[in-house]
Each structure stands twice: as structure tokens, then as C-alpha cells.
Amino acid sequence: MKKKLLAILLAGALSASFIACGNGNKDTDTKPETSESSTESTTDEDSELTENESQPEESPETDTKPETSESSTESTTDEDSELTENESQPEESPETIYETGNSASLKDWTINVTDAQIVDSIAADYGSFEPKEEGNKFIQVFVTVNNDGKQADSFLPSYSIGDDVNAKILYSDGYEFTATNLLGYSNDLHDSTINPLSSQTGEIAFEIPSTVAESTDELLIQFSSGNDTLKFKVR
């Protein structure tokens, strides 16, 4: 009986041992084969992520500089240059136009236009002066002139050169009328030789068309000496 019992226990122990071994092999076989590859894949992905994180992303190249910036700068520079030039140039003061009865200086002369009148003819000692063109008139300008220089000089010479004084009438938009030399007329100021610190009074005659004479537009007498001018309003 003891031997049988021992044999049964021994057989049971062997059976239990075989079952345990079978279960151990089954657990080993059920382990997924892809675990190692999955781990490797995960490791590779983590490595790539780490590399990507360690390398800063390159921002796309963007040309934000406007194409016209250079031309715009040049334009601004030109405008600034023009403004600087304009600021550096002094503004021209308006030209002075004197009324009759006033005196003004021109080089070595002091000129005073005292009066003016429009006439059909100018009476002289031996007759009268008539306009050359029929229907024209004369404008007589009465002037007193003083020589402020240190030498005798000729006022309104018939043939002027250099700084010699000449006179003309200005009308409307740029019309100019030269003086008429009334030869033999004692009051004509042409070719008047005046000593220094001395004065002379006389007339300057200009022949003008009747349309100018009858107009109400402004008339000026301009005296010139070289580049210098002097203007008086005579109407």
C-alpha cells in the first residue's frame, strides 16, 4: 500500500511538473514578436524628435525690403536737396516802383520824376514837334536829375555805352517804347552834360500809339545804367 501511494504521489508530482513547464513555454511563445522592433521604432522616432528639437527651424526667406526703397530714398534725398537749395537761396524782394514826386538813386545819379502828360505835339521856340506816325501821341515826362559823382557826366547820351543812362516807357505785358530825341529842343534832357553836385531839370519825350495813350493800363518810365534799373509810375 505504501509503495502504491508513493507511486501515485510521484506520478502526480511529475504531471504537475509537466503542466508547469507547458504553461511556461506558452507564456514565452505568446510574447509579441514585434516588441523589439516596436521598441526600436519608438527609439528611432524619439531620436528623430530629439534631433528636430535640437535644430532650430529655419524660417522661410522673406524679402521684406520693398523693391522701391532705393528709388524712394533717392527721391527723398532729391527733395531734401531741393528744399535745402530753396532754403539757402534768399527770396527776391519785390521790385520798388516809385510814384511821381519821389527821388531815387541810380549809380551816380539822383532822379526825381515830377510829372507826366500825354499830348498831341510838343511846342518849341521855332515851331512844334509832331509824332512821326499819324495818330500817335507824345508822353512828356518831366524830370530833375542830380549828378552825385565827382566828375561831369552826360545824362541820356544819344549813343550810350557801358553804364550810360538810358530811358524807356514800359506798357502792359512787356511793351517797350524808346525815348525820342527832340533835336534842338532846349528842354530835352538828351545829351545833357551835368557837373558834379549839380542838377538839371528838363523833359523826356516818348512817342506812343493812340491805343496806348487812350488805355487806362499802367505806364512806367524805366531808367537803366548797366544792370541797374529804376522805375517810376507815370500813369
C-alpha atoms as a PDB file:
ATOM      1  CA  MET A   1       0.000   0.000   0.000  1.00  0.00           C
ATOM      2  CA  LYS A   2       2.767   2.428   0.854  1.00  0.00           C
ATOM      3  CA  LYS A   3       4.504   1.704  -2.390  1.00  0.00           C
ATOM      4  CA  LYS A   4       1.338   2.320  -4.397  1.00  0.00           C
ATOM      5  CA  LEU A   5       0.671   5.530  -2.576  1.00  0.00           C
ATOM      6  CA  LEU A   6       4.205   6.710  -3.135  1.00  0.00           C
ATOM      7  CA  ALA A   7       3.922   5.813  -6.803  1.00  0.00           C
ATOM      8  CA  ILE A   8       0.681   7.789  -7.161  1.00  0.00           C
ATOM      9  CA  LEU A   9       2.188  10.852  -5.431  1.00  0.00           C
ATOM     10  CA  LEU A  10       5.232  10.625  -7.623  1.00  0.00           C
ATOM     11  CA  ALA A  11       3.091  10.409 -10.732  1.00  0.00           C
ATOM     12  CA  GLY A  12       1.070  13.431  -9.581  1.00  0.00           C
ATOM     13  CA  ALA A  13       4.215  15.437  -8.942  1.00  0.00           C
ATOM     14  CA  LEU A  14       5.521  14.623 -12.434  1.00  0.00           C
ATOM     15  CA  SER A  15       2.209  15.621 -14.008  1.00  0.00           C
ATOM     16  CA  ALA A  16       2.245  18.921 -12.154  1.00  0.00           C
ATOM     17  CA  SER A  17       5.811  19.496 -13.284  1.00  0.00           C
ATOM     18  CA  PHE A  18       4.912  18.844 -16.924  1.00  0.00           C
ATOM     19  CA  ILE A  19       1.916  21.177 -16.749  1.00  0.00           C
ATOM     20  CA  ALA A  20       4.060  23.957 -15.214  1.00  0.00           C
ATOM     21  CA  CYS A  21       6.633  23.591 -17.971  1.00  0.00           C
ATOM     22  CA  GLY A  22       3.917  23.727 -20.603  1.00  0.00           C
ATOM     23  CA  ASN A  23       2.479  26.874 -19.167  1.00  0.00           C
ATOM     24  CA  GLY A  24       5.977  28.450 -19.039  1.00  0.00           C
ATOM     25  CA  ASN A  25       6.563  27.748 -22.706  1.00  0.00           C
ATOM     26  CA  LYS A  26       3.142  29.095 -23.641  1.00  0.00           C
ATOM     27  CA  ASP A  27       3.854  32.385 -21.839  1.00  0.00           C
ATOM     28  CA  THR A  28       7.096  32.684 -23.641  1.00  0.00           C
ATOM     29  CA  ASP A  29       5.517  31.963 -27.016  1.00  0.00           C
ATOM     30  CA  THR A  30       2.669  34.471 -26.525  1.00  0.00           C
ATOM     31  CA  LYS A  31       5.093  37.359 -26.094  1.00  0.00           C
ATOM     32  CA  PRO A  32       4.664  39.518 -29.235  1.00  0.00           C
ATOM     33  CA  GLU A  33       7.492  39.170 -31.670  1.00  0.00           C
ATOM     34  CA  THR A  34       7.274  42.833 -32.645  1.00  0.00           C
ATOM     35  CA  SER A  35       8.095  44.149 -29.208  1.00  0.00           C
ATOM     36  CA  GLU A  36      11.757  44.555 -30.052  1.00  0.00           C
ATOM     37  CA  SER A  37      11.070  46.193 -33.422  1.00  0.00           C
ATOM     38  CA  SER A  38       8.391  48.377 -31.846  1.00  0.00           C
ATOM     39  CA  THR A  39      10.873  49.467 -29.224  1.00  0.00           C
ATOM     40  CA  GLU A  40      13.474  50.157 -31.857  1.00  0.00           C
ATOM     41  CA  SER A  41      10.917  52.155 -33.914  1.00  0.00           C
ATOM     42  CA  THR A  42       9.918  54.167 -30.884  1.00  0.00           C
ATOM     43  CA  THR A  43      13.554  54.791 -30.072  1.00  0.00           C
ATOM     44  CA  ASP A  44      14.226  55.956 -33.644  1.00  0.00           C
ATOM     45  CA  GLU A  45      11.208  58.262 -33.561  1.00  0.00           C
ATOM     46  CA  ASP A  46      12.314  59.691 -30.217  1.00  0.00           C
ATOM     47  CA  SER A  47      15.786  60.176 -31.646  1.00  0.00           C
ATOM     48  CA  GLU A  48      14.390  61.996 -34.705  1.00  0.00           C
ATOM     49  CA  LEU A  49      12.204  64.147 -32.499  1.00  0.00           C
ATOM     50  CA  THR A  50      15.202  64.961 -30.305  1.00  0.00           C
ATOM     51  CA  GLU A  51      17.263  65.896 -33.367  1.00  0.00           C
ATOM     52  CA  ASN A  52      14.456  68.034 -34.745  1.00  0.00           C
ATOM     53  CA  GLU A  53      14.008  69.758 -31.410  1.00  0.00           C
ATOM     54  CA  SER A  54      17.723  70.402 -31.078  1.00  0.00           C
ATOM     55  CA  GLN A  55      17.904  72.000 -34.548  1.00  0.00           C
ATOM     56  CA  PRO A  56      16.091  75.346 -34.733  1.00  0.00           C
ATOM     57  CA  GLU A  57      13.638  75.598 -37.546  1.00  0.00           C
ATOM     58  CA  GLU A  58      14.845  77.734 -40.413  1.00  0.00           C
ATOM     59  CA  SER A  59      12.350  80.436 -41.112  1.00  0.00           C
ATOM     60  CA  PRO A  60      11.476  80.790 -44.775  1.00  0.00           C
ATOM     61  CA  GLU A  61      13.388  83.518 -46.527  1.00  0.00           C
ATOM     62  CA  THR A  62      11.156  86.520 -46.912  1.00  0.00           C
ATOM     63  CA  ASP A  63      12.283  89.568 -48.831  1.00  0.00           C
ATOM     64  CA  THR A  64      10.552  92.211 -46.812  1.00  0.00           C
ATOM     65  CA  LYS A  65      12.610  95.023 -48.321  1.00  0.00           C
ATOM     66  CA  PRO A  66      10.364  96.926 -50.693  1.00  0.00           C
ATOM     67  CA  GLU A  67      11.598  96.993 -54.259  1.00  0.00           C
ATOM     68  CA  THR A  68      11.175 100.757 -54.475  1.00  0.00           C
ATOM     69  CA  SER A  69      13.070 101.525 -51.278  1.00  0.00           C
ATOM     70  CA  GLU A  70      16.180 102.660 -53.123  1.00  0.00           C
ATOM     71  CA  SER A  71      14.287 104.869 -55.545  1.00  0.00           C
ATOM     72  CA  SER A  72      12.172 106.153 -52.683  1.00  0.00           C
ATOM     73  CA  THR A  73      15.336 107.040 -50.769  1.00  0.00           C
ATOM     74  CA  GLU A  74      16.801 108.755 -53.810  1.00  0.00           C
ATOM     75  CA  SER A  75      13.558 110.683 -54.324  1.00  0.00           C
ATOM     76  CA  THR A  76      13.532 111.757 -50.692  1.00  0.00           C
ATOM     77  CA  THR A  77      17.180 112.783 -50.958  1.00  0.00           C
ATOM     78  CA  ASP A  78      16.455 114.833 -54.084  1.00  0.00           C
ATOM     79  CA  GLU A  79      13.503 116.519 -52.393  1.00  0.00           C
ATOM     80  CA  ASP A  80      15.618 117.269 -49.313  1.00  0.00           C
ATOM     81  CA  SER A  81      18.356 118.634 -51.587  1.00  0.00           C
ATOM     82  CA  GLU A  82      15.857 120.852 -53.430  1.00  0.00           C
ATOM     83  CA  LEU A  83      14.429 122.066 -50.132  1.00  0.00           C
ATOM     84  CA  THR A  84      17.950 122.821 -48.866  1.00  0.00           C
ATOM     85  CA  GLU A  85      18.763 124.713 -52.072  1.00  0.00           C
ATOM     86  CA  ASN A  86      15.499 126.649 -51.870  1.00  0.00           C
ATOM     87  CA  GLU A  87      16.113 127.482 -48.223  1.00  0.00           C
ATOM     88  CA  SER A  88      19.681 128.585 -48.977  1.00  0.00           C
ATOM     89  CA  GLN A  89      18.528 130.942 -51.719  1.00  0.00           C
ATOM     90  CA  PRO A  90      17.197 134.197 -50.291  1.00  0.00           C
ATOM     91  CA  GLU A  91      13.803 135.233 -51.518  1.00  0.00           C
ATOM     92  CA  GLU A  92      13.852 138.050 -54.021  1.00  0.00           C
ATOM     93  CA  SER A  93      12.287 141.181 -52.642  1.00  0.00           C
ATOM     94  CA  PRO A  94       9.601 142.763 -54.839  1.00  0.00           C
ATOM     95  CA  GLU A  95      10.875 145.487 -57.159  1.00  0.00           C
ATOM     96  CA  THR A  96      10.255 149.022 -55.943  1.00  0.00           C
ATOM     97  CA  ILE A  97       8.204 151.273 -58.229  1.00  0.00           C
ATOM     98  CA  TYR A  98       8.295 154.944 -57.260  1.00  0.00           C
ATOM     99  CA  GLU A  99       5.423 157.387 -57.608  1.00  0.00           C
ATOM    100  CA  THR A 100       5.945 160.743 -59.324  1.00  0.00           C
ATOM    101  CA  GLY A 101       7.325 163.349 -56.971  1.00  0.00           C
ATOM    102  CA  ASN A 102       9.753 160.922 -55.328  1.00  0.00           C
ATOM    103  CA  SER A 103      13.542 160.771 -55.739  1.00  0.00           C
ATOM    104  CA  ALA A 104      15.672 157.638 -56.125  1.00  0.00           C
ATOM    105  CA  SER A 105      19.335 156.907 -56.836  1.00  0.00           C
ATOM    106  CA  LEU A 106      20.828 155.145 -59.852  1.00  0.00           C
ATOM    107  CA  LYS A 107      24.625 154.818 -59.741  1.00  0.00           C
ATOM    108  CA  ASP A 108      25.949 158.431 -59.526  1.00  0.00           C
ATOM    109  CA  TRP A 109      22.579 159.987 -60.352  1.00  0.00           C
ATOM    110  CA  THR A 110      19.626 161.035 -58.229  1.00  0.00           C
ATOM    111  CA  ILE A 111      16.474 161.132 -60.346  1.00  0.00           C
ATOM    112  CA  ASN A 112      13.159 162.750 -59.491  1.00  0.00           C
ATOM    113  CA  VAL A 113      10.183 162.326 -61.856  1.00  0.00           C
ATOM    114  CA  THR A 114       7.972 165.304 -61.068  1.00  0.00           C
ATOM    115  CA  ASP A 115       5.150 164.943 -63.607  1.00  0.00           C
ATOM    116  CA  ALA A 116       3.974 163.385 -66.881  1.00  0.00           C
ATOM    117  CA  GLN A 117       1.369 164.211 -69.504  1.00  0.00           C
ATOM    118  CA  ILE A 118       0.136 162.864 -72.846  1.00  0.00           C
ATOM    119  CA  VAL A 119      -0.008 165.442 -75.666  1.00  0.00           C
ATOM    120  CA  ASP A 120      -0.618 165.513 -79.412  1.00  0.00           C
ATOM    121  CA  SER A 121       2.522 167.626 -80.036  1.00  0.00           C
ATOM    122  CA  ILE A 122       5.275 169.473 -78.168  1.00  0.00           C
ATOM    123  CA  ALA A 123       5.672 173.194 -78.703  1.00  0.00           C
ATOM    124  CA  ALA A 124       9.165 174.576 -79.309  1.00  0.00           C
ATOM    125  CA  ASP A 125      10.636 178.074 -79.796  1.00  0.00           C
ATOM    126  CA  TYR A 126      10.510 177.864 -83.571  1.00  0.00           C
ATOM    127  CA  GLY A 127       7.526 175.552 -84.068  1.00  0.00           C
ATOM    128  CA  SER A 128       6.357 172.205 -82.654  1.00  0.00           C
ATOM    129  CA  PHE A 129       7.298 168.553 -82.697  1.00  0.00           C
ATOM    130  CA  GLU A 130       4.748 166.170 -84.186  1.00  0.00           C
ATOM    131  CA  PRO A 131       4.701 162.342 -83.826  1.00  0.00           C
ATOM    132  CA  LYS A 132       6.193 160.537 -86.820  1.00  0.00           C
ATOM    133  CA  GLU A 133       3.288 158.076 -87.039  1.00  0.00           C
ATOM    134  CA  GLU A 134      -0.134 159.544 -87.774  1.00  0.00           C
ATOM    135  CA  GLY A 135      -2.477 159.145 -84.835  1.00  0.00           C
ATOM    136  CA  ASN A 136       0.381 158.657 -82.342  1.00  0.00           C
ATOM    137  CA  LYS A 137       0.903 160.918 -79.347  1.00  0.00           C
ATOM    138  CA  PHE A 138       3.721 162.015 -77.081  1.00  0.00           C
ATOM    139  CA  ILE A 139       4.059 161.335 -73.404  1.00  0.00           C
ATOM    140  CA  GLN A 140       6.150 164.086 -71.818  1.00  0.00           C
ATOM    141  CA  VAL A 141       7.967 163.116 -68.618  1.00  0.00           C
ATOM    142  CA  PHE A 142       9.325 165.974 -66.509  1.00  0.00           C
ATOM    143  CA  VAL A 143      12.494 165.094 -64.633  1.00  0.00           C
ATOM    144  CA  THR A 144      15.027 166.718 -62.331  1.00  0.00           C
ATOM    145  CA  VAL A 145      18.377 164.904 -62.250  1.00  0.00           C
ATOM    146  CA  ASN A 146      21.365 165.478 -59.953  1.00  0.00           C
ATOM    147  CA  ASN A 147      24.950 164.331 -60.581  1.00  0.00           C
ATOM    148  CA  ASP A 148      26.263 162.832 -57.323  1.00  0.00           C
ATOM    149  CA  GLY A 149      29.576 161.770 -58.867  1.00  0.00           C
ATOM    150  CA  LYS A 150      32.926 163.534 -58.714  1.00  0.00           C
ATOM    151  CA  GLN A 151      33.169 164.246 -62.431  1.00  0.00           C
ATOM    152  CA  ALA A 152      30.974 165.866 -65.056  1.00  0.00           C
ATOM    153  CA  ASP A 153      28.902 163.290 -66.908  1.00  0.00           C
ATOM    154  CA  SER A 154      26.389 163.107 -69.753  1.00  0.00           C
ATOM    155  CA  PHE A 155      22.803 162.173 -68.911  1.00  0.00           C
ATOM    156  CA  LEU A 156      20.890 160.261 -71.614  1.00  0.00           C
ATOM    157  CA  PRO A 157      23.651 160.329 -74.261  1.00  0.00           C
ATOM    158  CA  SER A 158      22.437 159.722 -77.813  1.00  0.00           C
ATOM    159  CA  TYR A 159      24.877 156.817 -78.127  1.00  0.00           C
ATOM    160  CA  SER A 160      25.048 155.121 -74.737  1.00  0.00           C
ATOM    161  CA  ILE A 161      27.721 152.567 -73.790  1.00  0.00           C
ATOM    162  CA  GLY A 162      28.597 150.785 -70.556  1.00  0.00           C
ATOM    163  CA  ASP A 163      26.971 152.441 -67.567  1.00  0.00           C
ATOM    164  CA  ASP A 164      25.493 155.360 -69.508  1.00  0.00           C
ATOM    165  CA  VAL A 165      21.883 156.103 -68.530  1.00  0.00           C
ATOM    166  CA  ASN A 166      19.041 155.402 -70.971  1.00  0.00           C
ATOM    167  CA  ALA A 167      15.270 155.625 -70.563  1.00  0.00           C
ATOM    168  CA  LYS A 168      12.194 153.841 -71.937  1.00  0.00           C
ATOM    169  CA  ILE A 169       8.471 153.556 -71.316  1.00  0.00           C
ATOM    170  CA  LEU A 170       7.062 150.178 -70.203  1.00  0.00           C
ATOM    171  CA  TYR A 171       3.467 149.309 -71.014  1.00  0.00           C
ATOM    172  CA  SER A 172       1.267 146.324 -70.208  1.00  0.00           C
ATOM    173  CA  ASP A 173       2.759 142.882 -70.856  1.00  0.00           C
ATOM    174  CA  GLY A 174       6.322 143.732 -71.895  1.00  0.00           C
ATOM    175  CA  TYR A 175       5.817 146.530 -74.448  1.00  0.00           C
ATOM    176  CA  GLU A 176       8.731 148.994 -74.528  1.00  0.00           C
ATOM    177  CA  PHE A 177       8.975 152.434 -76.150  1.00  0.00           C
ATOM    178  CA  THR A 178      12.312 154.230 -76.553  1.00  0.00           C
ATOM    179  CA  ALA A 179      12.789 157.933 -75.943  1.00  0.00           C
ATOM    180  CA  THR A 180      12.534 160.409 -78.807  1.00  0.00           C
ATOM    181  CA  ASN A 181      15.450 162.803 -79.090  1.00  0.00           C
ATOM    182  CA  LEU A 182      13.924 166.204 -79.828  1.00  0.00           C
ATOM    183  CA  LEU A 183      16.943 167.776 -81.524  1.00  0.00           C
ATOM    184  CA  GLY A 184      17.187 171.480 -80.927  1.00  0.00           C
ATOM    185  CA  TYR A 185      14.637 171.468 -78.115  1.00  0.00           C
ATOM    186  CA  SER A 186      16.252 173.216 -75.157  1.00  0.00           C
ATOM    187  CA  ASN A 187      14.220 171.357 -72.551  1.00  0.00           C
ATOM    188  CA  ASP A 188      15.168 167.906 -73.855  1.00  0.00           C
ATOM    189  CA  LEU A 189      17.445 166.153 -71.353  1.00  0.00           C
ATOM    190  CA  HIS A 190      19.227 164.068 -74.023  1.00  0.00           C
ATOM    191  CA  ASP A 191      22.991 164.653 -74.109  1.00  0.00           C
ATOM    192  CA  SER A 192      22.824 166.915 -71.057  1.00  0.00           C
ATOM    193  CA  THR A 193      26.288 167.364 -69.545  1.00  0.00           C
ATOM    194  CA  ILE A 194      25.919 167.935 -65.807  1.00  0.00           C
ATOM    195  CA  ASN A 195      28.738 168.875 -63.469  1.00  0.00           C
ATOM    196  CA  PRO A 196      29.268 167.028 -60.165  1.00  0.00           C
ATOM    197  CA  LEU A 197      26.968 168.070 -57.332  1.00  0.00           C
ATOM    198  CA  SER A 198      24.806 169.917 -59.864  1.00  0.00           C
ATOM    199  CA  SER A 199      21.286 169.321 -61.152  1.00  0.00           C
ATOM    200  CA  GLN A 200      19.232 169.996 -64.247  1.00  0.00           C
ATOM    201  CA  THR A 201      15.509 169.966 -64.952  1.00  0.00           C
ATOM    202  CA  GLY A 202      14.052 169.043 -68.308  1.00  0.00           C
ATOM    203  CA  GLU A 203      11.789 166.749 -70.307  1.00  0.00           C
ATOM    204  CA  ILE A 204      11.985 163.317 -71.897  1.00  0.00           C
ATOM    205  CA  ALA A 205       9.518 162.617 -74.716  1.00  0.00           C
ATOM    206  CA  PHE A 206       8.254 159.216 -75.896  1.00  0.00           C
ATOM    207  CA  GLU A 207       6.109 158.587 -78.962  1.00  0.00           C
ATOM    208  CA  ILE A 208       3.326 156.076 -78.198  1.00  0.00           C
ATOM    209  CA  PRO A 209       0.387 154.675 -80.214  1.00  0.00           C
ATOM    210  CA  SER A 210      -3.044 156.193 -79.621  1.00  0.00           C
ATOM    211  CA  THR A 211      -4.276 152.853 -78.243  1.00  0.00           C
ATOM    212  CA  VAL A 212      -1.640 153.084 -75.513  1.00  0.00           C
ATOM    213  CA  ALA A 213      -2.395 156.746 -74.916  1.00  0.00           C
ATOM    214  CA  GLU A 214      -6.123 156.098 -74.562  1.00  0.00           C
ATOM    215  CA  SER A 215      -5.719 152.977 -72.418  1.00  0.00           C
ATOM    216  CA  THR A 216      -6.046 153.053 -68.650  1.00  0.00           C
ATOM    217  CA  ASP A 217      -3.294 150.450 -68.146  1.00  0.00           C
ATOM    218  CA  GLU A 218      -0.248 151.352 -66.100  1.00  0.00           C
ATOM    219  CA  LEU A 219       2.656 153.202 -67.720  1.00  0.00           C
ATOM    220  CA  LEU A 220       6.154 153.176 -66.217  1.00  0.00           C
ATOM    221  CA  ILE A 221       9.327 155.022 -67.099  1.00  0.00           C
ATOM    222  CA  GLN A 222      12.449 152.927 -66.555  1.00  0.00           C
ATOM    223  CA  PHE A 223      15.969 154.357 -66.247  1.00  0.00           C
ATOM    224  CA  SER A 224      18.801 151.876 -66.766  1.00  0.00           C
ATOM    225  CA  SER A 225      22.531 152.026 -66.093  1.00  0.00           C
ATOM    226  CA  GLY A 226      24.349 148.788 -66.809  1.00  0.00           C
ATOM    227  CA  ASN A 227      22.450 146.065 -64.890  1.00  0.00           C
ATOM    228  CA  ASP A 228      20.773 148.531 -62.523  1.00  0.00           C
ATOM    229  CA  THR A 229      17.283 149.897 -63.155  1.00  0.00           C
ATOM    230  CA  LEU A 230      14.949 152.434 -61.620  1.00  0.00           C
ATOM    231  CA  LYS A 231      11.195 152.636 -62.275  1.00  0.00           C
ATOM    232  CA  PHE A 232       8.637 155.401 -61.785  1.00  0.00           C
ATOM    233  CA  LYS A 233       4.901 155.178 -62.331  1.00  0.00           C
ATOM    234  CA  VAL A 234       3.749 157.884 -64.727  1.00  0.00           C
ATOM    235  CA  ARG A 235       0.150 156.676 -65.153  1.00  0.00           C
END
